N, C-alpha and C. Protein backbone atom coordinates (compact mmCIF):
# COMPACT_ATOMS: atom_id res chain seq x y z
N MET A 1 -1.27 60.76 27.77
CA MET A 1 -0.39 60.07 26.88
C MET A 1 -0.36 60.81 25.53
N THR A 2 0.85 61.10 25.08
CA THR A 2 0.99 61.77 23.78
C THR A 2 1.03 60.74 22.66
N ARG A 3 0.43 61.16 21.61
CA ARG A 3 0.39 60.30 20.44
C ARG A 3 1.61 60.57 19.56
N VAL A 4 2.32 59.51 19.23
CA VAL A 4 3.50 59.63 18.38
C VAL A 4 3.05 59.49 16.93
N PRO A 5 3.40 60.47 16.11
CA PRO A 5 3.00 60.36 14.70
C PRO A 5 3.67 59.15 14.04
N LYS A 6 2.91 58.55 13.16
CA LYS A 6 3.41 57.37 12.44
C LYS A 6 4.51 57.81 11.47
N GLN A 7 5.63 57.08 11.49
CA GLN A 7 6.72 57.36 10.57
C GLN A 7 6.44 56.65 9.25
N VAL A 8 6.55 57.40 8.17
CA VAL A 8 6.28 56.85 6.84
C VAL A 8 7.59 56.82 6.06
N ASP A 9 7.91 55.67 5.52
CA ASP A 9 9.07 55.54 4.64
C ASP A 9 8.56 55.78 3.21
N HIS A 10 8.76 57.01 2.74
CA HIS A 10 8.21 57.40 1.43
C HIS A 10 8.83 56.60 0.28
N ALA A 11 10.11 56.32 0.37
CA ALA A 11 10.75 55.53 -0.70
C ALA A 11 10.16 54.13 -0.74
N GLU A 12 9.93 53.56 0.42
CA GLU A 12 9.35 52.21 0.47
C GLU A 12 7.91 52.21 -0.05
N ARG A 13 7.16 53.23 0.31
CA ARG A 13 5.77 53.31 -0.16
C ARG A 13 5.73 53.52 -1.68
N ARG A 14 6.59 54.37 -2.20
CA ARG A 14 6.66 54.60 -3.65
C ARG A 14 7.04 53.30 -4.36
N ALA A 15 8.01 52.57 -3.80
CA ALA A 15 8.43 51.30 -4.38
C ALA A 15 7.29 50.29 -4.36
N HIS A 16 6.51 50.27 -3.29
CA HIS A 16 5.37 49.37 -3.18
C HIS A 16 4.34 49.67 -4.28
N ILE A 17 4.09 50.94 -4.50
CA ILE A 17 3.13 51.33 -5.54
C ILE A 17 3.69 51.01 -6.93
N ALA A 18 4.98 51.25 -7.14
CA ALA A 18 5.61 50.92 -8.43
C ALA A 18 5.53 49.42 -8.68
N GLU A 19 5.68 48.63 -7.64
CA GLU A 19 5.55 47.17 -7.77
C GLU A 19 4.12 46.81 -8.19
N ALA A 20 3.15 47.54 -7.69
CA ALA A 20 1.75 47.31 -8.09
C ALA A 20 1.55 47.67 -9.56
N VAL A 21 2.23 48.71 -10.02
CA VAL A 21 2.16 49.07 -11.45
C VAL A 21 2.68 47.90 -12.28
N LEU A 22 3.81 47.32 -11.85
CA LEU A 22 4.36 46.15 -12.54
C LEU A 22 3.31 45.05 -12.63
N ALA A 23 2.66 44.78 -11.54
CA ALA A 23 1.66 43.70 -11.51
C ALA A 23 0.51 44.00 -12.47
N VAL A 24 0.05 45.24 -12.48
CA VAL A 24 -1.06 45.62 -13.36
C VAL A 24 -0.66 45.49 -14.83
N VAL A 25 0.52 45.99 -15.17
CA VAL A 25 0.98 45.92 -16.57
C VAL A 25 1.18 44.47 -16.99
N ALA A 26 1.82 43.68 -16.14
CA ALA A 26 2.09 42.28 -16.47
C ALA A 26 0.79 41.50 -16.66
N ARG A 27 -0.21 41.84 -15.91
CA ARG A 27 -1.49 41.13 -15.98
C ARG A 27 -2.35 41.59 -17.16
N GLY A 28 -2.40 42.91 -17.40
CA GLY A 28 -3.35 43.39 -18.39
C GLY A 28 -2.83 44.37 -19.41
N GLY A 29 -1.54 44.66 -19.39
CA GLY A 29 -0.99 45.60 -20.36
C GLY A 29 -1.09 47.03 -19.88
N LEU A 30 -0.48 47.91 -20.64
CA LEU A 30 -0.42 49.32 -20.30
C LEU A 30 -1.81 49.96 -20.21
N GLU A 31 -2.72 49.49 -21.04
CA GLU A 31 -4.06 50.09 -21.02
C GLU A 31 -4.78 49.88 -19.68
N GLU A 32 -4.33 48.94 -18.90
CA GLU A 32 -4.92 48.68 -17.58
C GLU A 32 -4.38 49.61 -16.50
N VAL A 33 -3.30 50.33 -16.80
CA VAL A 33 -2.71 51.19 -15.78
C VAL A 33 -3.60 52.42 -15.59
N SER A 34 -4.17 52.50 -14.42
CA SER A 34 -4.96 53.66 -14.01
C SER A 34 -4.75 53.82 -12.52
N VAL A 35 -5.06 54.99 -12.02
CA VAL A 35 -4.92 55.24 -10.58
C VAL A 35 -5.73 54.21 -9.81
N ARG A 36 -6.93 53.96 -10.25
CA ARG A 36 -7.82 53.02 -9.55
C ARG A 36 -7.27 51.60 -9.55
N HIS A 37 -6.84 51.11 -10.71
CA HIS A 37 -6.30 49.74 -10.79
C HIS A 37 -5.02 49.59 -9.98
N VAL A 38 -4.16 50.58 -10.05
CA VAL A 38 -2.90 50.52 -9.30
C VAL A 38 -3.19 50.59 -7.80
N ALA A 39 -4.10 51.45 -7.40
CA ALA A 39 -4.45 51.55 -5.98
C ALA A 39 -4.99 50.22 -5.46
N THR A 40 -5.85 49.59 -6.23
CA THR A 40 -6.39 48.28 -5.83
C THR A 40 -5.29 47.25 -5.70
N ALA A 41 -4.39 47.20 -6.70
CA ALA A 41 -3.29 46.22 -6.66
C ALA A 41 -2.35 46.47 -5.49
N ALA A 42 -2.17 47.75 -5.12
CA ALA A 42 -1.25 48.10 -4.04
C ALA A 42 -1.93 48.03 -2.67
N GLY A 43 -3.26 48.00 -2.67
CA GLY A 43 -3.97 48.01 -1.40
C GLY A 43 -3.92 49.36 -0.71
N VAL A 44 -3.90 50.42 -1.52
CA VAL A 44 -3.86 51.79 -0.98
C VAL A 44 -4.98 52.60 -1.63
N SER A 45 -5.14 53.82 -1.18
CA SER A 45 -6.17 54.69 -1.74
C SER A 45 -5.71 55.29 -3.07
N PRO A 46 -6.65 55.64 -3.94
CA PRO A 46 -6.28 56.33 -5.17
C PRO A 46 -5.52 57.64 -4.90
N GLY A 47 -5.89 58.32 -3.83
CA GLY A 47 -5.20 59.55 -3.46
C GLY A 47 -3.73 59.32 -3.16
N MET A 48 -3.42 58.19 -2.54
CA MET A 48 -2.03 57.89 -2.23
C MET A 48 -1.24 57.64 -3.51
N VAL A 49 -1.84 56.95 -4.47
CA VAL A 49 -1.17 56.73 -5.75
C VAL A 49 -0.88 58.08 -6.40
N GLN A 50 -1.87 58.97 -6.40
CA GLN A 50 -1.69 60.29 -7.02
C GLN A 50 -0.66 61.13 -6.27
N HIS A 51 -0.51 60.90 -4.98
CA HIS A 51 0.49 61.63 -4.20
C HIS A 51 1.91 61.27 -4.67
N TYR A 52 2.12 60.01 -4.99
CA TYR A 52 3.45 59.55 -5.38
C TYR A 52 3.70 59.60 -6.89
N PHE A 53 2.64 59.54 -7.68
CA PHE A 53 2.78 59.54 -9.14
C PHE A 53 1.72 60.46 -9.74
N ARG A 54 2.19 61.50 -10.42
CA ARG A 54 1.26 62.48 -10.96
C ARG A 54 0.66 62.08 -12.31
N SER A 55 1.27 61.09 -12.96
CA SER A 55 0.77 60.71 -14.28
C SER A 55 1.02 59.23 -14.56
N LYS A 56 0.36 58.76 -15.58
CA LYS A 56 0.58 57.38 -16.03
C LYS A 56 2.02 57.19 -16.48
N ASP A 57 2.59 58.19 -17.16
CA ASP A 57 3.98 58.11 -17.59
C ASP A 57 4.92 57.95 -16.40
N GLU A 58 4.67 58.69 -15.32
CA GLU A 58 5.50 58.55 -14.13
C GLU A 58 5.39 57.15 -13.54
N MET A 59 4.18 56.61 -13.53
CA MET A 59 4.00 55.24 -13.02
C MET A 59 4.78 54.25 -13.88
N MET A 60 4.71 54.42 -15.20
CA MET A 60 5.39 53.50 -16.10
C MET A 60 6.91 53.62 -15.96
N ARG A 61 7.41 54.85 -15.83
CA ARG A 61 8.85 55.03 -15.65
C ARG A 61 9.32 54.36 -14.36
N ALA A 62 8.55 54.50 -13.31
CA ALA A 62 8.92 53.88 -12.03
C ALA A 62 8.92 52.36 -12.16
N ALA A 63 7.94 51.81 -12.86
CA ALA A 63 7.89 50.36 -13.06
C ALA A 63 9.09 49.90 -13.88
N LEU A 64 9.41 50.64 -14.92
CA LEU A 64 10.56 50.29 -15.76
C LEU A 64 11.87 50.39 -14.98
N GLU A 65 11.97 51.38 -14.11
CA GLU A 65 13.16 51.50 -13.25
C GLU A 65 13.28 50.29 -12.33
N ARG A 66 12.16 49.79 -11.83
CA ARG A 66 12.19 48.60 -10.97
C ARG A 66 12.65 47.39 -11.75
N VAL A 67 12.22 47.29 -13.00
CA VAL A 67 12.69 46.19 -13.85
C VAL A 67 14.21 46.28 -14.02
N GLY A 68 14.70 47.47 -14.35
CA GLY A 68 16.14 47.66 -14.52
C GLY A 68 16.91 47.34 -13.25
N ALA A 69 16.38 47.75 -12.12
CA ALA A 69 17.06 47.47 -10.84
C ALA A 69 17.09 45.97 -10.55
N ALA A 70 16.01 45.27 -10.89
CA ALA A 70 15.97 43.82 -10.65
C ALA A 70 16.99 43.11 -11.53
N VAL A 71 17.10 43.52 -12.79
CA VAL A 71 18.08 42.93 -13.70
C VAL A 71 19.49 43.19 -13.17
N GLN A 72 19.75 44.43 -12.76
CA GLN A 72 21.08 44.78 -12.23
C GLN A 72 21.40 43.97 -10.97
N GLU A 73 20.43 43.78 -10.12
CA GLU A 73 20.65 43.01 -8.90
C GLU A 73 21.01 41.56 -9.23
N ARG A 74 20.28 40.97 -10.17
CA ARG A 74 20.58 39.58 -10.55
C ARG A 74 21.95 39.49 -11.22
N LEU A 75 22.30 40.48 -12.03
CA LEU A 75 23.62 40.48 -12.66
C LEU A 75 24.72 40.64 -11.62
N GLY A 76 24.48 41.47 -10.64
CA GLY A 76 25.46 41.67 -9.57
C GLY A 76 25.74 40.38 -8.83
N ALA A 77 24.72 39.53 -8.71
CA ALA A 77 24.88 38.25 -8.03
C ALA A 77 25.74 37.29 -8.84
N ALA A 78 25.87 37.56 -10.15
CA ALA A 78 26.66 36.68 -11.02
C ALA A 78 28.16 36.83 -10.76
N GLY A 79 28.55 37.93 -10.15
CA GLY A 79 29.97 38.13 -9.86
C GLY A 79 30.75 38.60 -11.07
N GLU A 80 32.05 38.52 -10.98
CA GLU A 80 32.94 38.96 -12.06
C GLU A 80 33.05 37.86 -13.11
N LEU A 81 32.75 38.20 -14.34
CA LEU A 81 32.78 37.23 -15.43
C LEU A 81 33.62 37.75 -16.59
N PRO A 82 34.16 36.84 -17.40
CA PRO A 82 34.82 37.30 -18.64
C PRO A 82 33.79 38.01 -19.52
N PRO A 83 34.24 38.91 -20.42
CA PRO A 83 33.31 39.72 -21.21
C PRO A 83 32.20 38.94 -21.91
N ARG A 84 32.52 37.86 -22.61
CA ARG A 84 31.49 37.11 -23.34
C ARG A 84 30.47 36.54 -22.37
N ASP A 85 30.93 35.98 -21.26
CA ASP A 85 30.03 35.39 -20.27
C ASP A 85 29.15 36.46 -19.62
N LEU A 86 29.73 37.64 -19.41
CA LEU A 86 28.96 38.73 -18.84
C LEU A 86 27.85 39.17 -19.79
N VAL A 87 28.18 39.28 -21.08
CA VAL A 87 27.17 39.65 -22.08
C VAL A 87 26.06 38.59 -22.12
N ARG A 88 26.45 37.33 -22.11
CA ARG A 88 25.45 36.25 -22.11
C ARG A 88 24.58 36.33 -20.87
N ALA A 89 25.19 36.56 -19.72
CA ALA A 89 24.44 36.66 -18.47
C ALA A 89 23.44 37.82 -18.54
N LEU A 90 23.86 38.94 -19.09
CA LEU A 90 22.96 40.09 -19.23
C LEU A 90 21.78 39.73 -20.14
N PHE A 91 22.09 39.15 -21.29
CA PHE A 91 21.03 38.82 -22.24
C PHE A 91 20.06 37.79 -21.66
N LEU A 92 20.57 36.86 -20.90
CA LEU A 92 19.67 35.88 -20.26
C LEU A 92 18.74 36.55 -19.26
N GLN A 93 19.19 37.65 -18.66
CA GLN A 93 18.32 38.38 -17.74
C GLN A 93 17.24 39.15 -18.48
N LEU A 94 17.48 39.46 -19.74
CA LEU A 94 16.50 40.21 -20.54
C LEU A 94 15.47 39.32 -21.21
N LEU A 95 15.76 38.04 -21.31
CA LEU A 95 14.82 37.11 -21.95
C LEU A 95 13.79 36.61 -20.93
N PRO A 96 12.55 36.42 -21.37
CA PRO A 96 11.49 35.94 -20.47
C PRO A 96 11.58 34.43 -20.24
N LEU A 97 12.53 34.03 -19.40
CA LEU A 97 12.81 32.61 -19.20
C LEU A 97 12.16 32.02 -17.95
N ASP A 98 11.62 32.87 -17.10
CA ASP A 98 10.91 32.40 -15.92
C ASP A 98 9.81 33.41 -15.59
N ARG A 99 9.10 33.14 -14.54
CA ARG A 99 7.94 33.98 -14.20
C ARG A 99 8.34 35.44 -13.97
N GLN A 100 9.40 35.66 -13.21
CA GLN A 100 9.84 37.03 -12.90
C GLN A 100 10.28 37.76 -14.16
N ARG A 101 11.10 37.13 -14.98
CA ARG A 101 11.60 37.78 -16.19
C ARG A 101 10.50 37.95 -17.24
N THR A 102 9.52 37.05 -17.24
CA THR A 102 8.38 37.22 -18.14
C THR A 102 7.58 38.45 -17.74
N ARG A 103 7.38 38.60 -16.46
CA ARG A 103 6.67 39.77 -15.95
C ARG A 103 7.41 41.05 -16.34
N GLU A 104 8.72 41.05 -16.14
CA GLU A 104 9.53 42.22 -16.48
C GLU A 104 9.51 42.48 -17.98
N ALA A 105 9.57 41.44 -18.79
CA ALA A 105 9.55 41.61 -20.24
C ALA A 105 8.22 42.20 -20.70
N ARG A 106 7.13 41.79 -20.09
CA ARG A 106 5.82 42.36 -20.44
C ARG A 106 5.78 43.85 -20.16
N VAL A 107 6.36 44.26 -19.04
CA VAL A 107 6.42 45.68 -18.71
C VAL A 107 7.28 46.42 -19.73
N ALA A 108 8.43 45.87 -20.07
CA ALA A 108 9.33 46.52 -21.03
C ALA A 108 8.65 46.65 -22.40
N VAL A 109 7.99 45.61 -22.85
CA VAL A 109 7.30 45.65 -24.14
C VAL A 109 6.17 46.69 -24.11
N ALA A 110 5.43 46.74 -23.03
CA ALA A 110 4.35 47.72 -22.91
C ALA A 110 4.90 49.14 -22.97
N PHE A 111 6.02 49.35 -22.29
CA PHE A 111 6.61 50.69 -22.30
C PHE A 111 7.15 51.03 -23.69
N LEU A 112 7.77 50.07 -24.36
CA LEU A 112 8.25 50.31 -25.72
C LEU A 112 7.10 50.67 -26.66
N ALA A 113 6.00 49.95 -26.55
CA ALA A 113 4.83 50.24 -27.39
C ALA A 113 4.30 51.64 -27.08
N HIS A 114 4.27 52.00 -25.83
CA HIS A 114 3.82 53.33 -25.43
C HIS A 114 4.75 54.40 -25.99
N ALA A 115 6.05 54.17 -25.87
CA ALA A 115 7.03 55.14 -26.37
C ALA A 115 6.99 55.28 -27.89
N ALA A 116 6.56 54.22 -28.58
CA ALA A 116 6.47 54.28 -30.04
C ALA A 116 5.42 55.29 -30.50
N VAL A 117 4.38 55.48 -29.72
CA VAL A 117 3.33 56.43 -30.10
C VAL A 117 3.36 57.71 -29.27
N HIS A 118 4.17 57.72 -28.23
CA HIS A 118 4.39 58.91 -27.39
C HIS A 118 5.90 59.10 -27.24
N PRO A 119 6.55 59.61 -28.29
CA PRO A 119 8.01 59.68 -28.29
C PRO A 119 8.61 60.36 -27.06
N GLU A 120 7.91 61.35 -26.51
CA GLU A 120 8.45 62.05 -25.33
C GLU A 120 8.57 61.11 -24.13
N ALA A 121 7.78 60.07 -24.10
CA ALA A 121 7.84 59.11 -23.00
C ALA A 121 9.06 58.20 -23.12
N GLY A 122 9.66 58.17 -24.29
CA GLY A 122 10.78 57.27 -24.51
C GLY A 122 12.16 57.90 -24.39
N ASP A 123 12.24 59.16 -23.96
CA ASP A 123 13.54 59.82 -23.86
C ASP A 123 14.52 59.04 -22.98
N GLU A 124 14.08 58.67 -21.81
CA GLU A 124 14.94 57.93 -20.88
C GLU A 124 15.28 56.55 -21.45
N LEU A 125 14.30 55.93 -22.08
CA LEU A 125 14.50 54.62 -22.67
C LEU A 125 15.58 54.67 -23.76
N ARG A 126 15.52 55.69 -24.60
CA ARG A 126 16.52 55.85 -25.66
C ARG A 126 17.91 56.11 -25.07
N ALA A 127 17.98 56.93 -24.04
CA ALA A 127 19.27 57.20 -23.40
C ALA A 127 19.84 55.93 -22.77
N ASN A 128 18.99 55.15 -22.13
CA ASN A 128 19.45 53.89 -21.53
C ASN A 128 19.93 52.92 -22.60
N ALA A 129 19.23 52.85 -23.71
CA ALA A 129 19.62 51.94 -24.80
C ALA A 129 20.97 52.35 -25.38
N ARG A 130 21.18 53.65 -25.58
CA ARG A 130 22.47 54.13 -26.09
C ARG A 130 23.60 53.77 -25.13
N ALA A 131 23.35 53.98 -23.85
CA ALA A 131 24.38 53.67 -22.84
C ALA A 131 24.67 52.18 -22.80
N LEU A 132 23.64 51.35 -22.90
CA LEU A 132 23.84 49.90 -22.88
C LEU A 132 24.61 49.44 -24.11
N ARG A 133 24.26 49.97 -25.29
CA ARG A 133 25.01 49.61 -26.51
C ARG A 133 26.47 50.01 -26.39
N ALA A 134 26.72 51.21 -25.89
CA ALA A 134 28.10 51.67 -25.74
C ALA A 134 28.86 50.79 -24.74
N HIS A 135 28.22 50.46 -23.65
CA HIS A 135 28.86 49.62 -22.63
C HIS A 135 29.17 48.23 -23.19
N LEU A 136 28.19 47.64 -23.87
CA LEU A 136 28.40 46.32 -24.45
C LEU A 136 29.49 46.35 -25.51
N GLY A 137 29.44 47.35 -26.37
CA GLY A 137 30.45 47.46 -27.42
C GLY A 137 31.85 47.58 -26.84
N ALA A 138 32.00 48.40 -25.81
CA ALA A 138 33.31 48.58 -25.17
C ALA A 138 33.77 47.30 -24.49
N ARG A 139 32.85 46.59 -23.85
CA ARG A 139 33.22 45.34 -23.17
C ARG A 139 33.61 44.25 -24.16
N LEU A 140 32.96 44.27 -25.32
CA LEU A 140 33.18 43.19 -26.28
C LEU A 140 34.36 43.42 -27.21
N LEU A 141 34.41 44.59 -27.80
CA LEU A 141 35.36 44.81 -28.88
C LEU A 141 36.14 46.12 -28.75
N GLY A 142 35.93 46.85 -27.70
CA GLY A 142 36.53 48.18 -27.61
C GLY A 142 35.57 49.18 -28.23
N SER A 143 35.81 50.43 -28.00
CA SER A 143 34.89 51.47 -28.48
C SER A 143 35.17 51.79 -29.95
N THR A 144 34.51 51.05 -30.84
CA THR A 144 34.65 51.28 -32.28
C THR A 144 33.26 51.25 -32.90
N ALA A 145 33.19 51.70 -34.14
CA ALA A 145 31.91 51.64 -34.85
C ALA A 145 31.45 50.20 -35.02
N GLN A 146 32.41 49.29 -35.27
CA GLN A 146 32.06 47.88 -35.41
C GLN A 146 31.51 47.32 -34.10
N ALA A 147 32.11 47.70 -32.99
CA ALA A 147 31.65 47.23 -31.69
C ALA A 147 30.22 47.69 -31.44
N ASP A 148 29.93 48.94 -31.79
CA ASP A 148 28.57 49.47 -31.60
C ASP A 148 27.58 48.71 -32.48
N ALA A 149 27.98 48.41 -33.71
CA ALA A 149 27.09 47.66 -34.62
C ALA A 149 26.83 46.25 -34.09
N VAL A 150 27.86 45.58 -33.58
CA VAL A 150 27.68 44.23 -33.03
C VAL A 150 26.77 44.28 -31.81
N ALA A 151 27.00 45.24 -30.92
CA ALA A 151 26.16 45.38 -29.73
C ALA A 151 24.72 45.68 -30.12
N THR A 152 24.52 46.56 -31.08
CA THR A 152 23.18 46.90 -31.55
C THR A 152 22.48 45.67 -32.12
N GLY A 153 23.18 44.91 -32.93
CA GLY A 153 22.60 43.70 -33.52
C GLY A 153 22.24 42.66 -32.47
N LEU A 154 23.12 42.46 -31.49
CA LEU A 154 22.84 41.48 -30.45
C LEU A 154 21.65 41.91 -29.58
N LEU A 155 21.57 43.20 -29.27
CA LEU A 155 20.42 43.68 -28.49
C LEU A 155 19.13 43.52 -29.29
N ALA A 156 19.18 43.79 -30.58
CA ALA A 156 17.99 43.60 -31.42
C ALA A 156 17.59 42.13 -31.45
N LEU A 157 18.58 41.24 -31.52
CA LEU A 157 18.32 39.81 -31.49
C LEU A 157 17.61 39.42 -30.20
N VAL A 158 18.13 39.90 -29.07
CA VAL A 158 17.52 39.56 -27.78
C VAL A 158 16.11 40.12 -27.68
N ASP A 159 15.90 41.34 -28.17
CA ASP A 159 14.54 41.91 -28.18
C ASP A 159 13.60 41.02 -28.98
N GLY A 160 14.04 40.61 -30.17
CA GLY A 160 13.20 39.76 -31.02
C GLY A 160 12.95 38.40 -30.41
N LEU A 161 13.98 37.79 -29.85
CA LEU A 161 13.79 36.49 -29.19
C LEU A 161 12.81 36.62 -28.03
N GLY A 162 12.96 37.69 -27.26
CA GLY A 162 12.06 37.91 -26.13
C GLY A 162 10.61 38.03 -26.57
N LEU A 163 10.37 38.79 -27.64
CA LEU A 163 9.00 38.92 -28.17
C LEU A 163 8.46 37.57 -28.64
N GLN A 164 9.30 36.79 -29.30
CA GLN A 164 8.85 35.50 -29.79
C GLN A 164 8.53 34.55 -28.64
N VAL A 165 9.30 34.61 -27.57
CA VAL A 165 8.99 33.77 -26.40
C VAL A 165 7.70 34.26 -25.74
N LEU A 166 7.56 35.58 -25.58
CA LEU A 166 6.35 36.13 -24.95
C LEU A 166 5.08 35.77 -25.71
N THR A 167 5.18 35.72 -27.03
CA THR A 167 3.98 35.45 -27.84
C THR A 167 3.81 33.98 -28.19
N GLY A 168 4.68 33.13 -27.64
CA GLY A 168 4.54 31.70 -27.85
C GLY A 168 5.03 31.20 -29.19
N GLN A 169 5.75 32.03 -29.92
CA GLN A 169 6.27 31.61 -31.22
C GLN A 169 7.54 30.78 -31.09
N LEU A 170 8.18 30.87 -29.92
CA LEU A 170 9.46 30.22 -29.71
C LEU A 170 9.53 29.77 -28.25
N ALA A 171 10.01 28.57 -28.05
CA ALA A 171 10.19 28.06 -26.68
C ALA A 171 11.42 28.74 -26.06
N ALA A 172 11.40 28.89 -24.75
CA ALA A 172 12.50 29.55 -24.04
C ALA A 172 13.83 28.85 -24.31
N ASP A 173 13.85 27.52 -24.29
CA ASP A 173 15.10 26.79 -24.54
C ASP A 173 15.64 27.08 -25.95
N ASP A 174 14.73 27.18 -26.91
CA ASP A 174 15.16 27.48 -28.28
C ASP A 174 15.71 28.91 -28.38
N ALA A 175 15.13 29.83 -27.61
CA ALA A 175 15.64 31.20 -27.61
C ALA A 175 17.06 31.24 -27.06
N VAL A 176 17.31 30.50 -25.99
CA VAL A 176 18.67 30.45 -25.41
C VAL A 176 19.65 29.82 -26.39
N ALA A 177 19.24 28.74 -27.05
CA ALA A 177 20.12 28.09 -28.03
C ALA A 177 20.43 29.04 -29.19
N THR A 178 19.44 29.79 -29.63
CA THR A 178 19.65 30.76 -30.71
C THR A 178 20.59 31.87 -30.25
N LEU A 179 20.39 32.36 -29.05
CA LEU A 179 21.27 33.38 -28.50
C LEU A 179 22.71 32.87 -28.46
N ASP A 180 22.90 31.67 -27.95
CA ASP A 180 24.25 31.11 -27.86
C ASP A 180 24.90 30.98 -29.23
N ALA A 181 24.13 30.54 -30.22
CA ALA A 181 24.67 30.41 -31.57
C ALA A 181 25.12 31.76 -32.12
N TRP A 182 24.32 32.80 -31.90
CA TRP A 182 24.68 34.13 -32.39
C TRP A 182 25.83 34.74 -31.62
N LEU A 183 25.89 34.46 -30.33
CA LEU A 183 27.06 34.94 -29.57
C LEU A 183 28.34 34.29 -30.10
N ASP A 184 28.25 33.00 -30.43
CA ASP A 184 29.41 32.31 -31.01
C ASP A 184 29.82 32.95 -32.33
N LEU A 185 28.84 33.27 -33.17
CA LEU A 185 29.14 33.89 -34.47
C LEU A 185 29.72 35.29 -34.29
N ALA A 186 29.14 36.05 -33.40
CA ALA A 186 29.51 37.46 -33.28
C ALA A 186 30.79 37.67 -32.47
N LEU A 187 31.05 36.79 -31.51
CA LEU A 187 32.13 37.07 -30.57
C LEU A 187 33.31 36.12 -30.63
N ASP A 188 33.21 35.04 -31.33
CA ASP A 188 34.34 34.11 -31.38
C ASP A 188 35.15 34.26 -32.64
């Protein structure tokens, strides 16, 4: 009897390890991310983690990509919405309003903190932020300097509200009410 080699889905295995990175960061912050901790969380060997991710930065980027993909998937489920409703739906996905979004927000905050002291790690983050501001500005007001300023301000508001919810300074319902009030001011 010939032995058939086991088929490995590398994308699935990489995604599984990236999901473990998310769990480690959400539980203990970026300082907890190590090959050993991630391997334990994923239930794989440290060598396997190193095979798929050569550095802590690669692990963090993969985790952040998973967060972005999850937000996009939830937004896609919202269907076609008018511009203001679409912006609100996006911002609600960025706020830590439930267990999943809280976990994602912790990862995003950890990556932002890391990028603040390791600027090279934030290149992709900065490019994504520029693209999101441009997209929001175009959807809301057309591509103008004013549209970019409004989009920038609203994203900063959501970032601040998210931090306040994460740190217990603001209840989730109050964050949503504040967001709605500012959307009314900025977009109506």
